[in-house]
Amino acid sequence: MTNSHLQQLEPRALWRHFETLCNTPRPSGHEAAIIEKIEAFAAGLGLTVLRDDVGNVVIRKPASKGYEHSPGVILQSHLDMVPQKSQTARHDFTQDPIQTVIQGDWVHAVGTTLGADNGIGVAAILAVLESTNLTHGPLEALFTIDEEAGMTGAKGLSPDILQGRLLFNLDTEDEGELYVGCAGGIDVNARIAGHWGEPDAQSACFQLSVSGLLGGHSGLDINLGRANANLLIAQFIARLSDALPVRIAHIQGGTLRNAIARDGRAVFTVPAALAEAVGAAFDKYLADVQHCYGQLETGMSLTLAPAEPVASALGALQTRALVSALLTCPHGAQRMSPQLAGVVETSNNLATVGIEGDTLVVQCLVRSLIDEARDDLAANIARHFQLIDADTLLDGAYPGWAPNMQSALLEQMRAVYAQKYGKPPAVKVIHAGLECGLLGAIYPNWDMISFGPTIRGAHSPDERVHIASVAAFWECLVAGLAAVATQA
């Protein structure tokens, strides 16, 4: 049976549910199959199952005997996962199960994202729902859809479907830490009309390819100095365009707004008489990139090869304008938080570059702990691309989650961690888009906290989850539910 080896891990109920999640394709926008399984599972337990207008699932479980009057708790995770794969992986995320492997202390996937973000949280909630020996007050499980692609589930959550007042979001990625705030975000979309024409009669055509970069989460990993495939491609073509009439015929880099671009390629032409200069320039560029990134990007591959002749290409002036705009677009951490040491306040991810029909398309994802800073940076990026006559659209804005350091739920969970580990947990704010900001705007009376197991490489094929941290996360979840119920 696919992924049955996960059943040997503890806690067994949680890992059994995670096996089901791995075996059920669930990229953003394709959650129907896992929703059907979860609803059937809950109905089999005799629990109340609801679905709101946008497709979020709510399951209600009565309190343990004697705790009927304890505060209601909402356990929340998102059902979808990021579909990223290595260039050599033959995987259809809409049909194929995730192939998992246990390597030492970690569970990995083979050539793809694992979906521990946020599948471990979903699995933990399902294990709570089926358990008959936990102490808890009235419970509601909230499974949201489409978190990774646009947070449409959280944005569209019905304002009257949930009854509890305490939210446990199970979607952070460092066990032993409690999160009390997160960044908001907004997409910046730019569309540039391409001015295409036939290549010169005597042209040489090349393909530049970038692959094997670390990539990663565009919030959690944005300040780590990782290479971006879009920028590597733009930089080489910009260098050429300083001296040669380069014309782009095709360009594509990155696949998701919330992942740092790992792979990309461009096809371009130069006059045939200058082809030898392209090769020499590439050798120099490759050496420079290795010098800058070689110790970090150990799997990086940059190749330049002759390409088949093309029917059309951008003009040399528009090619130069495009790569210049890409290179001068803000990318990475733009400001660190002055209040929270080591935390990124505001960032941008130059996420995807491509061609749709005759139009050049660029997408960025701006994040910030401060909504006004988010909006200012997004507007500035839009203005930036408007300088090359782009039509721009700011879309999908979602708010941050402002920390409440006086939260009663935070104090209860601090006590749980201190009792378990003999020391207080780290209390943090995350530079990523948790759904808490959106959910708290719809249910402003909620007291919220977020925690989870240790996950590394989220949003990339390097994603993995630390096995022992899953057990510790589970124990703290169980203890937290009991603390809330008994201390009311």
Protein backbone atom coordinates (compact mmCIF):
# COMPACT_ATOMS: atom_id res chain seq x y z
CA MET A 1 0.00 0.00 0.00
CA THR A 2 1.31 3.48 -0.92
CA ASN A 3 3.00 5.22 2.02
CA SER A 4 2.01 2.49 4.48
CA HIS A 5 5.46 2.80 6.10
CA LEU A 6 4.19 6.00 7.75
CA GLN A 7 1.99 3.86 10.02
CA GLN A 8 5.03 2.73 12.02
CA LEU A 9 5.56 6.30 13.28
CA GLU A 10 4.14 7.79 16.48
CA PRO A 11 1.52 9.02 17.15
CA ARG A 12 0.06 6.38 14.92
CA ALA A 13 -3.39 7.94 14.48
CA LEU A 14 -1.89 11.20 13.23
CA TRP A 15 0.48 9.50 10.80
CA ARG A 16 -2.30 7.24 9.55
CA HIS A 17 -4.30 10.32 8.59
CA PHE A 18 -1.24 11.92 7.03
CA GLU A 19 -0.85 8.78 4.91
CA THR A 20 -4.38 9.35 3.61
CA LEU A 21 -3.52 12.95 2.80
CA CYS A 22 -0.39 11.90 0.91
CA ASN A 23 -2.38 9.34 -1.05
CA THR A 24 -5.04 11.90 -2.02
CA PRO A 25 -4.02 14.58 -4.55
CA ARG A 26 -4.81 18.04 -3.11
CA PRO A 27 -3.01 20.92 -4.79
CA SER A 28 -4.74 24.28 -4.43
CA GLY A 29 -8.02 24.26 -6.30
CA HIS A 30 -8.24 20.45 -6.23
CA GLU A 31 -9.37 19.74 -2.68
CA ALA A 32 -12.62 17.95 -3.61
CA ALA A 33 -11.29 14.40 -3.17
CA ILE A 34 -9.83 15.01 0.30
CA ILE A 35 -12.95 16.90 1.38
CA GLU A 36 -15.08 13.92 0.38
CA LYS A 37 -12.90 11.60 2.47
CA ILE A 38 -12.90 13.90 5.50
CA GLU A 39 -16.64 14.40 5.41
CA ALA A 40 -17.22 10.64 5.15
CA PHE A 41 -14.81 10.06 8.02
CA ALA A 42 -16.60 12.57 10.26
CA ALA A 43 -20.03 11.26 9.34
CA GLY A 44 -18.84 7.77 10.27
CA LEU A 45 -18.00 9.09 13.73
CA GLY A 46 -21.48 10.58 14.07
CA LEU A 47 -20.15 14.16 14.08
CA THR A 48 -21.89 17.22 12.66
CA VAL A 49 -20.48 18.17 9.25
CA LEU A 50 -21.04 21.57 7.63
CA ARG A 51 -19.73 23.26 4.51
CA ASP A 52 -19.89 27.00 3.88
CA ASP A 53 -20.51 28.81 0.60
CA VAL A 54 -16.86 28.86 -0.56
CA GLY A 55 -16.19 25.20 0.31
CA ASN A 56 -14.60 25.30 3.77
CA VAL A 57 -15.48 22.32 5.95
CA VAL A 58 -16.53 22.59 9.61
CA ILE A 59 -16.89 19.54 11.85
CA ARG A 60 -18.29 19.76 15.37
CA LYS A 61 -17.37 17.39 18.18
CA PRO A 62 -19.07 17.57 21.60
CA ALA A 63 -17.00 18.27 24.70
CA SER A 64 -15.60 15.54 26.90
CA LYS A 65 -17.97 14.58 29.68
CA GLY A 66 -17.94 17.24 32.38
CA TYR A 67 -16.43 19.94 30.15
CA GLU A 68 -19.53 20.97 28.26
CA HIS A 69 -19.31 24.53 29.60
CA SER A 70 -15.63 25.04 28.81
CA PRO A 71 -14.74 27.58 26.10
CA GLY A 72 -15.27 26.37 22.56
CA VAL A 73 -12.06 25.71 20.62
CA ILE A 74 -11.61 25.89 16.85
CA LEU A 75 -8.81 23.70 15.44
CA GLN A 76 -7.83 25.08 12.03
CA SER A 77 -5.62 23.96 9.13
CA HIS A 78 -5.77 24.30 5.36
CA LEU A 79 -6.39 21.33 3.09
CA ASP A 80 -4.36 22.30 0.03
CA MET A 81 -0.64 21.93 -0.59
CA VAL A 82 1.94 23.62 -2.81
CA PRO A 83 2.64 21.58 -5.98
CA GLN A 84 6.37 21.88 -6.66
CA LYS A 85 8.57 19.20 -8.18
CA SER A 86 12.11 18.73 -9.39
CA GLN A 87 12.75 18.93 -13.11
CA THR A 88 13.33 15.17 -13.28
CA ALA A 89 10.17 14.19 -11.36
CA ARG A 90 7.35 12.72 -13.44
CA HIS A 91 4.43 13.63 -11.21
CA ASP A 92 0.88 14.86 -11.81
CA PHE A 93 -0.25 16.61 -8.63
CA THR A 94 -3.92 16.29 -9.64
CA GLN A 95 -3.75 12.51 -9.96
CA ASP A 96 -0.66 10.97 -8.38
CA PRO A 97 -0.10 10.27 -4.68
CA ILE A 98 2.87 11.85 -2.96
CA GLN A 99 5.61 9.24 -2.59
CA THR A 100 7.12 9.53 0.89
CA VAL A 101 10.32 8.13 2.34
CA ILE A 102 11.72 8.00 5.87
CA GLN A 103 15.34 9.18 5.98
CA GLY A 104 16.80 9.16 9.45
CA ASP A 105 14.81 11.56 11.63
CA TRP A 106 12.82 13.07 8.77
CA VAL A 107 9.99 12.23 6.37
CA HIS A 108 10.66 13.44 2.82
CA ALA A 109 8.86 13.18 -0.50
CA VAL A 110 10.48 11.80 -3.63
CA GLY A 111 11.05 14.66 -6.07
CA THR A 112 8.08 16.76 -4.93
CA THR A 113 6.77 18.85 -2.10
CA LEU A 114 5.66 16.68 0.82
CA GLY A 115 2.52 18.52 1.87
CA ALA A 116 3.42 18.46 5.56
CA ASP A 117 2.49 22.13 5.15
CA ASN A 118 -0.33 21.89 6.23
CA GLY A 119 -1.08 18.17 6.07
CA ILE A 120 0.38 17.42 9.51
CA GLY A 121 -1.99 20.00 11.01
CA VAL A 122 -4.96 18.46 9.18
CA ALA A 123 -3.92 14.98 10.30
CA ALA A 124 -3.62 16.12 13.92
CA ILE A 125 -7.14 17.56 13.84
CA LEU A 126 -8.54 14.33 12.40
CA ALA A 127 -6.78 12.37 15.15
CA VAL A 128 -8.36 14.63 17.78
CA LEU A 129 -11.78 14.17 16.22
CA GLU A 130 -11.60 10.38 16.39
CA SER A 131 -10.02 10.11 19.83
CA THR A 132 -12.22 8.96 22.72
CA ASN A 133 -9.85 9.64 25.63
CA LEU A 134 -8.85 13.31 25.30
CA THR A 135 -9.95 16.10 27.64
CA HIS A 136 -11.43 19.05 25.80
CA GLY A 137 -14.32 21.45 25.65
CA PRO A 138 -16.64 21.80 22.64
CA LEU A 139 -14.56 21.46 19.47
CA GLU A 140 -14.94 22.70 15.93
CA ALA A 141 -12.55 21.62 13.18
CA LEU A 142 -12.16 24.23 10.45
CA PHE A 143 -10.57 22.97 7.23
CA THR A 144 -10.01 25.82 4.80
CA ILE A 145 -9.42 25.59 1.07
CA ASP A 146 -7.01 27.30 -1.33
CA GLU A 147 -4.71 28.80 1.28
CA GLU A 148 -1.56 28.44 -0.80
CA ALA A 149 -2.95 29.97 -4.00
CA GLY A 150 -4.96 32.90 -2.67
CA MET A 151 -6.46 32.26 0.78
CA THR A 152 -9.91 32.31 -0.78
CA GLY A 153 -11.23 29.91 1.83
CA ALA A 154 -10.25 32.13 4.74
CA LYS A 155 -11.34 35.27 2.90
CA GLY A 156 -14.77 33.83 2.18
CA LEU A 157 -15.39 32.08 5.50
CA SER A 158 -18.99 32.46 6.62
CA PRO A 159 -19.18 34.86 9.58
CA ASP A 160 -21.84 32.86 11.42
CA ILE A 161 -20.78 29.22 10.98
CA LEU A 162 -18.41 28.93 13.97
CA GLN A 163 -19.37 29.10 17.64
CA GLY A 164 -16.08 28.83 19.53
CA ARG A 165 -13.92 31.74 20.68
CA LEU A 166 -10.42 30.22 20.88
CA LEU A 167 -8.49 29.37 17.70
CA PHE A 168 -5.61 26.91 17.46
CA ASN A 169 -4.04 27.42 14.03
CA LEU A 170 -1.75 24.43 13.33
CA ASP A 171 0.24 25.86 10.44
CA THR A 172 3.63 27.03 11.67
CA GLU A 173 6.87 25.17 11.18
CA ASP A 174 9.07 25.23 14.30
CA GLU A 175 8.08 22.91 17.13
CA GLY A 176 8.52 24.47 20.56
CA GLU A 177 7.56 27.94 19.35
CA LEU A 178 4.27 29.81 19.72
CA TYR A 179 3.28 32.30 17.06
CA VAL A 180 1.12 35.31 17.85
CA GLY A 181 1.38 37.37 14.66
CA CYS A 182 2.03 37.12 10.94
CA ALA A 183 2.56 39.16 7.81
CA GLY A 184 -0.13 40.24 5.42
CA GLY A 185 0.34 40.04 1.68
CA ILE A 186 -0.74 41.28 -1.73
CA ASP A 187 -0.10 40.18 -5.32
CA VAL A 188 1.33 42.56 -7.89
CA ASN A 189 0.56 41.52 -11.46
CA ALA A 190 2.15 43.24 -14.45
CA ARG A 191 1.25 42.64 -18.09
CA ILE A 192 3.40 44.12 -20.86
CA ALA A 193 2.32 44.06 -24.51
CA GLY A 194 5.08 42.35 -26.47
CA HIS A 195 6.30 43.94 -29.68
CA TRP A 196 7.17 40.87 -31.69
CA GLY A 197 8.87 40.63 -35.05
CA GLU A 198 10.76 38.21 -37.24
CA PRO A 199 14.37 37.62 -36.21
CA ASP A 200 17.11 38.93 -38.42
CA ALA A 201 17.86 36.68 -41.36
CA GLN A 202 21.33 35.84 -40.04
CA SER A 203 20.63 35.08 -36.39
CA ALA A 204 21.93 32.58 -33.90
CA CYS A 205 19.46 31.25 -31.35
CA PHE A 206 20.34 30.13 -27.81
CA GLN A 207 18.54 28.65 -24.83
CA LEU A 208 19.62 29.64 -21.33
CA SER A 209 18.38 27.27 -18.60
CA VAL A 210 18.52 27.54 -14.82
CA SER A 211 17.58 24.61 -12.58
CA GLY A 212 18.25 23.00 -9.24
CA LEU A 213 18.07 26.12 -7.09
CA LEU A 214 16.97 25.82 -3.46
CA GLY A 215 13.89 27.97 -3.98
CA GLY A 216 11.72 27.75 -0.89
CA HIS A 217 8.99 29.64 0.92
CA SER A 218 8.73 33.24 -0.23
CA GLY A 219 8.15 34.40 3.34
CA LEU A 220 10.14 32.12 5.61
CA ASP A 221 13.16 31.87 3.30
CA ILE A 222 13.12 35.31 1.66
CA ASN A 223 16.00 36.69 3.76
CA LEU A 224 18.37 33.73 3.27
CA GLY A 225 20.08 35.11 0.17
CA ARG A 226 18.99 32.30 -2.13
CA ALA A 227 19.25 32.71 -5.88
CA ASN A 228 16.15 33.50 -7.94
CA ALA A 229 15.98 31.89 -11.39
CA ASN A 230 14.20 34.93 -12.87
CA LEU A 231 17.00 37.23 -11.78
CA LEU A 232 19.78 34.91 -12.95
CA ILE A 233 18.24 34.79 -16.43
CA ALA A 234 17.64 38.54 -16.54
CA GLN A 235 21.17 39.32 -15.37
CA PHE A 236 22.85 37.32 -18.14
CA ILE A 237 20.66 38.77 -20.88
CA ALA A 238 21.18 42.28 -19.46
CA ARG A 239 24.95 41.79 -19.59
CA LEU A 240 24.69 40.72 -23.22
CA SER A 241 22.38 43.61 -24.07
CA ASP A 242 24.98 46.10 -22.86
CA ALA A 243 27.03 45.22 -25.94
CA LEU A 244 24.89 43.07 -28.27
CA PRO A 245 21.44 43.43 -29.88
CA VAL A 246 19.78 40.59 -27.96
CA ARG A 247 16.15 39.67 -28.70
CA ILE A 248 14.13 37.45 -26.35
CA ALA A 249 11.90 34.91 -28.08
CA HIS A 250 10.71 33.11 -24.93
CA ILE A 251 11.10 33.53 -21.19
CA GLN A 252 9.65 31.54 -18.30
CA GLY A 253 10.67 31.34 -14.69
CA GLY A 254 9.04 30.28 -11.43
CA THR A 255 5.69 28.57 -11.05
CA LEU A 256 4.04 29.88 -7.87
CA ARG A 257 3.60 33.31 -6.30
CA ASN A 258 4.61 32.06 -2.84
CA ALA A 259 7.72 30.11 -3.86
CA ILE A 260 11.13 31.53 -4.74
CA ALA A 261 11.77 30.70 -8.40
CA ARG A 262 13.89 27.54 -8.63
CA ASP A 263 13.89 26.96 -12.39
CA GLY A 264 13.57 28.97 -15.58
CA ARG A 265 14.64 29.30 -19.17
CA ALA A 266 14.91 31.87 -21.90
CA VAL A 267 15.37 31.60 -25.66
CA PHE A 268 17.01 34.55 -27.37
CA THR A 269 18.68 35.54 -30.63
CA VAL A 270 21.78 37.53 -31.53
CA PRO A 271 23.34 38.25 -34.91
CA ALA A 272 25.11 35.09 -36.05
CA ALA A 273 28.41 36.90 -36.37
CA LEU A 274 28.33 37.59 -32.62
CA ALA A 275 27.50 34.05 -31.49
CA GLU A 276 31.02 33.36 -30.30
CA ALA A 277 30.84 36.38 -27.99
CA VAL A 278 27.74 34.92 -26.33
CA GLY A 279 29.61 31.77 -25.39
CA ALA A 280 32.52 33.71 -23.94
CA ALA A 281 30.15 35.95 -21.97
CA PHE A 282 28.37 32.91 -20.58
CA ASP A 283 31.60 31.32 -19.37
CA LYS A 284 32.40 34.52 -17.48
CA TYR A 285 28.85 34.78 -16.11
CA LEU A 286 28.82 31.15 -14.95
CA ALA A 287 32.05 31.70 -13.04
CA ASP A 288 30.62 34.84 -11.43
CA VAL A 289 27.40 33.09 -10.38
CA GLN A 290 29.36 30.19 -8.91
CA HIS A 291 31.48 32.67 -6.97
CA CYS A 292 28.35 34.39 -5.58
CA TYR A 293 26.13 31.38 -4.90
CA GLY A 294 28.19 28.21 -5.24
CA GLN A 295 28.55 27.49 -1.54
CA LEU A 296 24.83 28.02 -0.92
CA GLU A 297 23.22 26.74 -4.13
CA THR A 298 25.05 23.41 -4.31
CA GLY A 299 22.54 21.89 -6.73
CA MET A 300 22.47 24.85 -9.11
CA SER A 301 22.77 24.24 -12.85
CA LEU A 302 23.13 26.95 -15.52
CA THR A 303 23.43 25.86 -19.12
CA LEU A 304 23.60 27.60 -22.48
CA ALA A 305 22.91 25.64 -25.63
CA PRO A 306 22.08 26.34 -29.30
CA ALA A 307 18.32 26.41 -29.93
CA GLU A 308 16.12 25.85 -32.96
CA PRO A 309 15.33 28.95 -35.00
CA VAL A 310 12.31 30.94 -33.79
CA ALA A 311 9.54 32.59 -35.76
CA SER A 312 9.36 35.79 -33.72
CA ALA A 313 11.17 37.68 -30.98
CA LEU A 314 10.92 40.90 -29.04
CA GLY A 315 12.84 43.87 -30.33
CA ALA A 316 16.24 44.54 -28.81
CA LEU A 317 15.05 47.70 -27.07
CA GLN A 318 12.09 45.97 -25.42
CA THR A 319 14.29 43.03 -24.44
CA ARG A 320 16.67 45.41 -22.70
CA ALA A 321 13.79 47.26 -21.03
CA LEU A 322 12.25 44.01 -19.76
CA VAL A 323 15.41 42.55 -18.21
CA SER A 324 16.30 45.93 -16.74
CA ALA A 325 12.87 46.13 -15.09
CA LEU A 326 13.23 42.62 -13.67
CA LEU A 327 16.68 43.34 -12.26
CA THR A 328 15.65 46.62 -10.65
CA CYS A 329 12.39 45.30 -9.20
CA PRO A 330 12.75 44.95 -5.41
CA HIS A 331 13.27 41.32 -4.44
CA GLY A 332 13.99 39.84 -1.04
CA ALA A 333 13.80 41.38 2.43
CA GLN A 334 13.27 45.14 2.13
CA ARG A 335 13.12 46.02 5.84
CA MET A 336 13.70 44.16 9.09
CA SER A 337 11.35 44.72 12.00
CA PRO A 338 12.71 47.31 14.45
CA GLN A 339 10.63 45.75 17.24
CA LEU A 340 11.24 42.04 16.61
CA ALA A 341 14.88 41.02 16.32
CA GLY A 342 15.67 38.90 13.28
CA VAL A 343 12.15 39.14 11.83
CA VAL A 344 11.58 40.45 8.31
CA GLU A 345 9.04 43.26 8.31
CA THR A 346 8.53 43.82 4.56
CA SER A 347 9.60 41.79 1.52
CA ASN A 348 8.87 41.06 -2.11
CA ASN A 349 9.17 37.86 -4.11
CA LEU A 350 9.73 38.26 -7.86
CA ALA A 351 7.80 35.06 -8.28
CA THR A 352 6.98 34.30 -11.91
CA VAL A 353 7.84 35.58 -15.37
CA GLY A 354 6.24 34.23 -18.51
CA ILE A 355 4.46 34.82 -21.79
CA GLU A 356 0.72 34.50 -22.39
CA GLY A 357 -0.07 34.84 -26.06
CA ASP A 358 1.79 37.98 -27.10
CA THR A 359 1.90 39.41 -23.57
CA LEU A 360 4.75 39.34 -21.07
CA VAL A 361 3.46 38.54 -17.58
CA VAL A 362 5.20 39.14 -14.24
CA GLN A 363 3.84 38.30 -10.78
CA CYS A 364 5.19 39.39 -7.40
CA LEU A 365 4.03 38.66 -3.86
CA VAL A 366 4.60 41.44 -1.34
CA ARG A 367 4.46 40.65 2.39
CA SER A 368 4.62 42.90 5.44
CA LEU A 369 3.82 42.90 9.14
CA ILE A 370 2.44 46.41 8.55
CA ASP A 371 -0.47 46.68 6.12
CA GLU A 372 0.47 50.23 5.11
CA ALA A 373 4.04 49.17 4.29
CA ARG A 374 2.66 46.23 2.28
CA ASP A 375 0.46 48.55 0.24
CA ASP A 376 3.19 51.15 -0.33
CA LEU A 377 5.71 48.60 -1.59
CA ALA A 378 3.11 46.98 -3.85
CA ALA A 379 2.16 50.37 -5.31
CA ASN A 380 5.81 51.20 -5.89
CA ILE A 381 6.41 47.91 -7.69
CA ALA A 382 3.37 48.61 -9.86
CA ARG A 383 4.77 52.07 -10.65
CA HIS A 384 8.10 50.45 -11.46
CA PHE A 385 6.63 48.20 -14.15
CA GLN A 386 4.45 51.01 -15.46
CA LEU A 387 7.71 52.66 -16.55
CA ILE A 388 7.91 50.00 -19.27
CA ASP A 389 4.22 50.49 -20.17
CA ALA A 390 2.87 47.60 -18.13
CA ASP A 391 -0.76 47.28 -17.14
CA THR A 392 -0.68 46.49 -13.43
CA LEU A 393 -3.15 45.02 -10.97
CA LEU A 394 -2.89 44.75 -7.20
CA ASP A 395 -4.92 41.74 -6.13
CA GLY A 396 -5.58 39.26 -3.33
CA ALA A 397 -4.69 41.51 -0.40
CA TYR A 398 -4.95 39.91 3.02
CA PRO A 399 -4.23 41.50 6.40
CA GLY A 400 -1.53 40.69 8.87
CA TRP A 401 -2.23 39.39 12.36
CA ALA A 402 -1.22 41.92 15.01
CA PRO A 403 0.33 40.34 18.13
CA ASN A 404 -1.62 40.41 21.39
CA MET A 405 0.97 39.81 24.09
CA GLN A 406 -1.78 39.97 26.77
CA SER A 407 -3.62 37.00 25.24
CA ALA A 408 -5.04 34.62 27.85
CA LEU A 409 -4.63 31.74 25.40
CA LEU A 410 -0.97 32.62 24.99
CA GLU A 411 -0.45 32.48 28.76
CA GLN A 412 -2.18 29.09 28.98
CA MET A 413 -0.03 27.65 26.18
CA ARG A 414 3.12 29.13 27.68
CA ALA A 415 2.32 27.25 30.87
CA VAL A 416 1.72 24.03 28.92
CA TYR A 417 5.10 24.28 27.21
CA ALA A 418 6.93 25.24 30.40
CA GLN A 419 5.48 22.25 32.23
CA LYS A 420 6.36 19.89 29.38
CA TYR A 421 9.89 21.13 28.64
CA GLY A 422 10.93 22.82 31.87
CA LYS A 423 11.44 26.14 30.07
CA PRO A 424 9.14 28.68 28.41
CA PRO A 425 8.54 28.49 24.66
CA ALA A 426 9.78 31.10 22.22
CA VAL A 427 6.97 33.51 21.32
CA LYS A 428 7.31 34.76 17.76
CA VAL A 429 5.83 36.60 14.83
CA ILE A 430 6.23 34.97 11.41
CA HIS A 431 6.93 36.59 8.04
CA ALA A 432 4.41 34.39 6.28
CA GLY A 433 0.72 34.57 5.53
CA LEU A 434 -1.09 32.60 8.18
CA GLU A 435 -4.84 32.62 7.84
CA CYS A 436 -5.21 34.07 11.33
CA GLY A 437 -5.24 37.64 10.03
CA LEU A 438 -8.19 36.97 7.76
CA LEU A 439 -10.02 34.78 10.26
CA GLY A 440 -9.57 37.31 13.03
CA ALA A 441 -11.07 40.03 10.82
CA ILE A 442 -14.19 37.90 10.36
CA TYR A 443 -14.34 36.77 14.02
CA PRO A 444 -12.77 39.67 15.95
CA ASN A 445 -13.72 38.17 19.33
CA TRP A 446 -11.37 35.21 18.87
CA ASP A 447 -8.23 34.68 20.92
CA MET A 448 -5.73 32.98 18.58
CA ILE A 449 -2.43 31.16 18.64
CA SER A 450 -0.46 29.15 16.08
CA PHE A 451 2.00 26.29 16.48
CA GLY A 452 3.15 23.20 14.62
CA PRO A 453 5.92 20.64 14.07
CA THR A 454 9.33 21.36 12.56
CA ILE A 455 9.12 21.53 8.76
CA ARG A 456 11.98 22.51 6.51
CA GLY A 457 12.07 23.33 2.79
CA ALA A 458 8.37 24.21 2.57
CA HIS A 459 7.14 25.09 -0.93
CA SER A 460 10.04 23.20 -2.52
CA PRO A 461 10.86 19.56 -3.35
CA ASP A 462 13.22 19.65 -0.35
CA GLU A 463 10.26 19.86 2.04
CA ARG A 464 10.59 17.51 5.01
CA VAL A 465 9.10 17.12 8.48
CA HIS A 466 11.00 16.13 11.62
CA ILE A 467 9.47 12.96 13.02
CA ALA A 468 10.13 13.54 16.73
CA SER A 469 8.78 17.08 16.48
CA VAL A 470 5.44 15.73 15.23
CA ALA A 471 5.07 13.67 18.41
CA ALA A 472 6.00 16.69 20.56
CA PHE A 473 3.57 18.90 18.63
CA TRP A 474 0.82 16.34 19.20
CA GLU A 475 1.52 16.15 22.93
CA CYS A 476 1.37 19.93 23.25
CA LEU A 477 -1.86 20.09 21.27
CA VAL A 478 -3.46 17.49 23.53
CA ALA A 479 -2.16 19.23 26.66
CA GLY A 480 -3.30 22.60 25.35
CA LEU A 481 -6.84 21.38 24.76
CA ALA A 482 -6.94 19.98 28.28
CA ALA A 483 -5.53 23.19 29.79
CA VAL A 484 -8.14 25.35 28.09
CA ALA A 485 -10.93 23.03 29.22
CA THR A 486 -9.84 22.64 32.83
CA GLN A 487 -8.67 26.21 33.52
CA ALA A 488 -11.84 27.88 32.32
